[in-house]
Amino acid sequence: MGLRWRKSINMGPVRANVSNSGVGWTINLGLVRVGLSAQGKVYFSIGIPGTGLYYTTQINQQIK
């Protein structure tokens, strides 16, 4: 296993996740989050606040 690095930058409801792979983006809409990974994959997440329980699914294969 190699060394990994990640830094999150919050800008209101938008978060930029900077890592070895590139920059990913997440929009937080309360219980729901929609994101774009550094690899171009779009995902959807829904969770219960304060519990750490959430469900995430990939919306499409990849944005090119």
N, C-alpha and C. Protein backbone atom coordinates (compact mmCIF):
# COMPACT_ATOMS: atom_id res chain seq x y z
N MET A 1 0.85 -1.17 0.00
CA MET A 1 0.00 0.00 0.00
C MET A 1 0.90 1.23 0.00
N GLY A 2 0.60 2.18 -0.86
CA GLY A 2 1.39 3.39 -0.99
C GLY A 2 0.88 4.52 -0.11
N LEU A 3 1.64 5.56 -0.07
CA LEU A 3 1.29 6.75 0.68
C LEU A 3 0.20 7.51 -0.08
N ARG A 4 -0.84 7.93 0.65
CA ARG A 4 -1.94 8.67 0.04
C ARG A 4 -2.10 10.00 0.76
N TRP A 5 -2.65 10.99 0.04
CA TRP A 5 -2.82 12.32 0.58
C TRP A 5 -4.13 12.90 0.08
N ARG A 6 -4.84 13.64 0.96
CA ARG A 6 -6.08 14.30 0.56
C ARG A 6 -6.28 15.56 1.38
N LYS A 7 -6.80 16.59 0.75
CA LYS A 7 -7.13 17.85 1.41
C LYS A 7 -8.49 18.30 0.92
N SER A 8 -9.38 18.65 1.85
CA SER A 8 -10.71 19.15 1.49
C SER A 8 -10.77 20.64 1.76
N ILE A 9 -11.37 21.36 0.81
CA ILE A 9 -11.54 22.80 0.92
C ILE A 9 -13.03 23.10 0.81
N ASN A 10 -13.63 23.61 1.89
CA ASN A 10 -15.06 23.93 1.90
C ASN A 10 -15.30 25.34 1.42
N MET A 11 -16.31 25.49 0.53
CA MET A 11 -16.72 26.79 0.02
C MET A 11 -18.24 26.85 0.09
N GLY A 12 -18.78 26.93 1.30
CA GLY A 12 -20.22 26.87 1.48
C GLY A 12 -20.70 25.45 1.25
N PRO A 13 -21.73 25.25 0.43
CA PRO A 13 -22.23 23.90 0.18
C PRO A 13 -21.37 23.09 -0.79
N VAL A 14 -20.34 23.73 -1.37
CA VAL A 14 -19.47 23.05 -2.33
C VAL A 14 -18.15 22.72 -1.65
N ARG A 15 -17.65 21.50 -1.88
CA ARG A 15 -16.37 21.08 -1.33
C ARG A 15 -15.47 20.59 -2.45
N ALA A 16 -14.24 21.05 -2.45
CA ALA A 16 -13.23 20.56 -3.39
C ALA A 16 -12.34 19.59 -2.62
N ASN A 17 -12.17 18.40 -3.16
CA ASN A 17 -11.33 17.38 -2.56
C ASN A 17 -10.10 17.22 -3.44
N VAL A 18 -8.96 17.66 -2.94
CA VAL A 18 -7.71 17.59 -3.69
C VAL A 18 -6.93 16.39 -3.18
N SER A 19 -6.50 15.51 -4.10
CA SER A 19 -5.76 14.31 -3.72
C SER A 19 -4.70 14.00 -4.76
N ASN A 20 -4.04 12.88 -4.59
CA ASN A 20 -3.05 12.42 -5.56
C ASN A 20 -3.69 12.22 -6.93
N SER A 21 -4.96 11.83 -6.95
CA SER A 21 -5.67 11.53 -8.20
C SER A 21 -6.11 12.77 -8.97
N GLY A 22 -6.23 13.91 -8.29
CA GLY A 22 -6.71 15.13 -8.93
C GLY A 22 -7.68 15.85 -8.01
N VAL A 23 -8.61 16.59 -8.61
CA VAL A 23 -9.59 17.36 -7.84
C VAL A 23 -10.98 16.79 -8.08
N GLY A 24 -11.69 16.52 -7.01
CA GLY A 24 -13.08 16.08 -7.08
C GLY A 24 -13.96 17.14 -6.43
N TRP A 25 -15.23 17.17 -6.80
CA TRP A 25 -16.15 18.18 -6.29
C TRP A 25 -17.38 17.53 -5.69
N THR A 26 -17.90 18.10 -4.59
CA THR A 26 -19.10 17.61 -3.95
C THR A 26 -20.00 18.80 -3.64
N ILE A 27 -21.31 18.65 -3.91
CA ILE A 27 -22.31 19.65 -3.54
C ILE A 27 -23.19 19.03 -2.48
N ASN A 28 -23.24 19.67 -1.31
CA ASN A 28 -24.02 19.17 -0.19
C ASN A 28 -25.38 19.86 -0.18
N LEU A 29 -26.44 19.07 -0.29
CA LEU A 29 -27.80 19.60 -0.31
C LEU A 29 -28.57 19.16 0.92
N GLY A 30 -27.92 19.11 2.07
CA GLY A 30 -28.55 18.65 3.30
C GLY A 30 -28.37 17.15 3.46
N LEU A 31 -29.45 16.41 3.32
CA LEU A 31 -29.39 14.95 3.43
C LEU A 31 -28.77 14.29 2.20
N VAL A 32 -28.73 15.04 1.10
CA VAL A 32 -28.29 14.50 -0.19
C VAL A 32 -27.01 15.20 -0.63
N ARG A 33 -26.10 14.41 -1.22
CA ARG A 33 -24.88 14.96 -1.82
C ARG A 33 -24.74 14.43 -3.24
N VAL A 34 -24.25 15.30 -4.11
CA VAL A 34 -23.95 14.91 -5.49
C VAL A 34 -22.51 15.30 -5.72
N GLY A 35 -21.74 14.40 -6.31
CA GLY A 35 -20.33 14.69 -6.48
C GLY A 35 -19.77 14.23 -7.81
N LEU A 36 -18.61 14.79 -8.12
CA LEU A 36 -17.84 14.43 -9.30
C LEU A 36 -16.45 14.07 -8.81
N SER A 37 -16.05 12.81 -9.00
CA SER A 37 -14.74 12.36 -8.52
C SER A 37 -13.63 12.87 -9.42
N ALA A 38 -12.41 12.73 -8.95
CA ALA A 38 -11.24 13.16 -9.73
C ALA A 38 -11.10 12.33 -11.01
N GLN A 39 -11.68 11.13 -11.03
CA GLN A 39 -11.64 10.27 -12.21
C GLN A 39 -12.79 10.55 -13.17
N GLY A 40 -13.67 11.51 -12.84
CA GLY A 40 -14.77 11.88 -13.72
C GLY A 40 -16.06 11.13 -13.46
N LYS A 41 -16.16 10.37 -12.38
CA LYS A 41 -17.37 9.62 -12.07
C LYS A 41 -18.33 10.48 -11.25
N VAL A 42 -19.61 10.45 -11.60
CA VAL A 42 -20.63 11.20 -10.89
C VAL A 42 -21.30 10.24 -9.89
N TYR A 43 -21.44 10.71 -8.65
CA TYR A 43 -22.06 9.86 -7.64
C TYR A 43 -23.11 10.63 -6.85
N PHE A 44 -23.99 9.88 -6.21
CA PHE A 44 -25.11 10.39 -5.42
C PHE A 44 -25.03 9.73 -4.06
N SER A 45 -25.23 10.49 -3.00
CA SER A 45 -25.15 9.96 -1.65
C SER A 45 -26.28 10.52 -0.81
N ILE A 46 -26.87 9.69 0.03
CA ILE A 46 -27.91 10.13 0.97
C ILE A 46 -27.56 9.54 2.32
N GLY A 47 -27.73 10.33 3.39
CA GLY A 47 -27.33 9.86 4.70
C GLY A 47 -28.18 10.41 5.82
N ILE A 48 -27.96 9.85 7.01
CA ILE A 48 -28.63 10.30 8.22
C ILE A 48 -27.63 11.13 9.02
N PRO A 49 -27.87 12.44 9.16
CA PRO A 49 -26.91 13.31 9.83
C PRO A 49 -26.61 12.86 11.27
N GLY A 50 -25.35 12.95 11.65
CA GLY A 50 -24.93 12.64 13.00
C GLY A 50 -24.73 11.17 13.30
N THR A 51 -25.04 10.29 12.33
CA THR A 51 -24.93 8.85 12.58
C THR A 51 -23.74 8.22 11.85
N GLY A 52 -23.30 8.84 10.78
CA GLY A 52 -22.25 8.24 9.96
C GLY A 52 -22.79 7.22 8.98
N LEU A 53 -24.11 7.01 8.96
CA LEU A 53 -24.74 6.06 8.03
C LEU A 53 -25.13 6.77 6.74
N TYR A 54 -24.70 6.23 5.63
CA TYR A 54 -25.05 6.82 4.34
C TYR A 54 -24.99 5.76 3.25
N TYR A 55 -25.66 6.04 2.15
CA TYR A 55 -25.68 5.17 0.98
C TYR A 55 -25.16 5.97 -0.20
N THR A 56 -24.23 5.40 -0.94
CA THR A 56 -23.66 6.06 -2.10
C THR A 56 -23.78 5.16 -3.32
N THR A 57 -24.13 5.76 -4.44
CA THR A 57 -24.19 5.01 -5.70
C THR A 57 -23.63 5.87 -6.82
N GLN A 58 -23.05 5.19 -7.79
CA GLN A 58 -22.52 5.89 -8.96
C GLN A 58 -23.66 6.12 -9.94
N ILE A 59 -23.79 7.35 -10.44
CA ILE A 59 -24.91 7.70 -11.33
C ILE A 59 -24.62 7.25 -12.76
N ASN A 60 -23.41 7.42 -13.24
CA ASN A 60 -23.09 7.03 -14.60
C ASN A 60 -21.70 6.40 -14.64
N GLN A 61 -21.28 5.98 -15.79
CA GLN A 61 -19.96 5.34 -15.93
C GLN A 61 -18.83 6.34 -15.76
N GLN A 62 -18.83 7.39 -16.56
CA GLN A 62 -17.75 8.36 -16.49
C GLN A 62 -18.04 9.53 -17.43
N ILE A 63 -17.68 10.72 -17.00
CA ILE A 63 -17.80 11.90 -17.86
C ILE A 63 -16.47 12.08 -18.58
N LYS A 64 -16.53 12.25 -19.89
CA LYS A 64 -15.28 12.38 -20.67
C LYS A 64 -15.12 13.79 -21.18
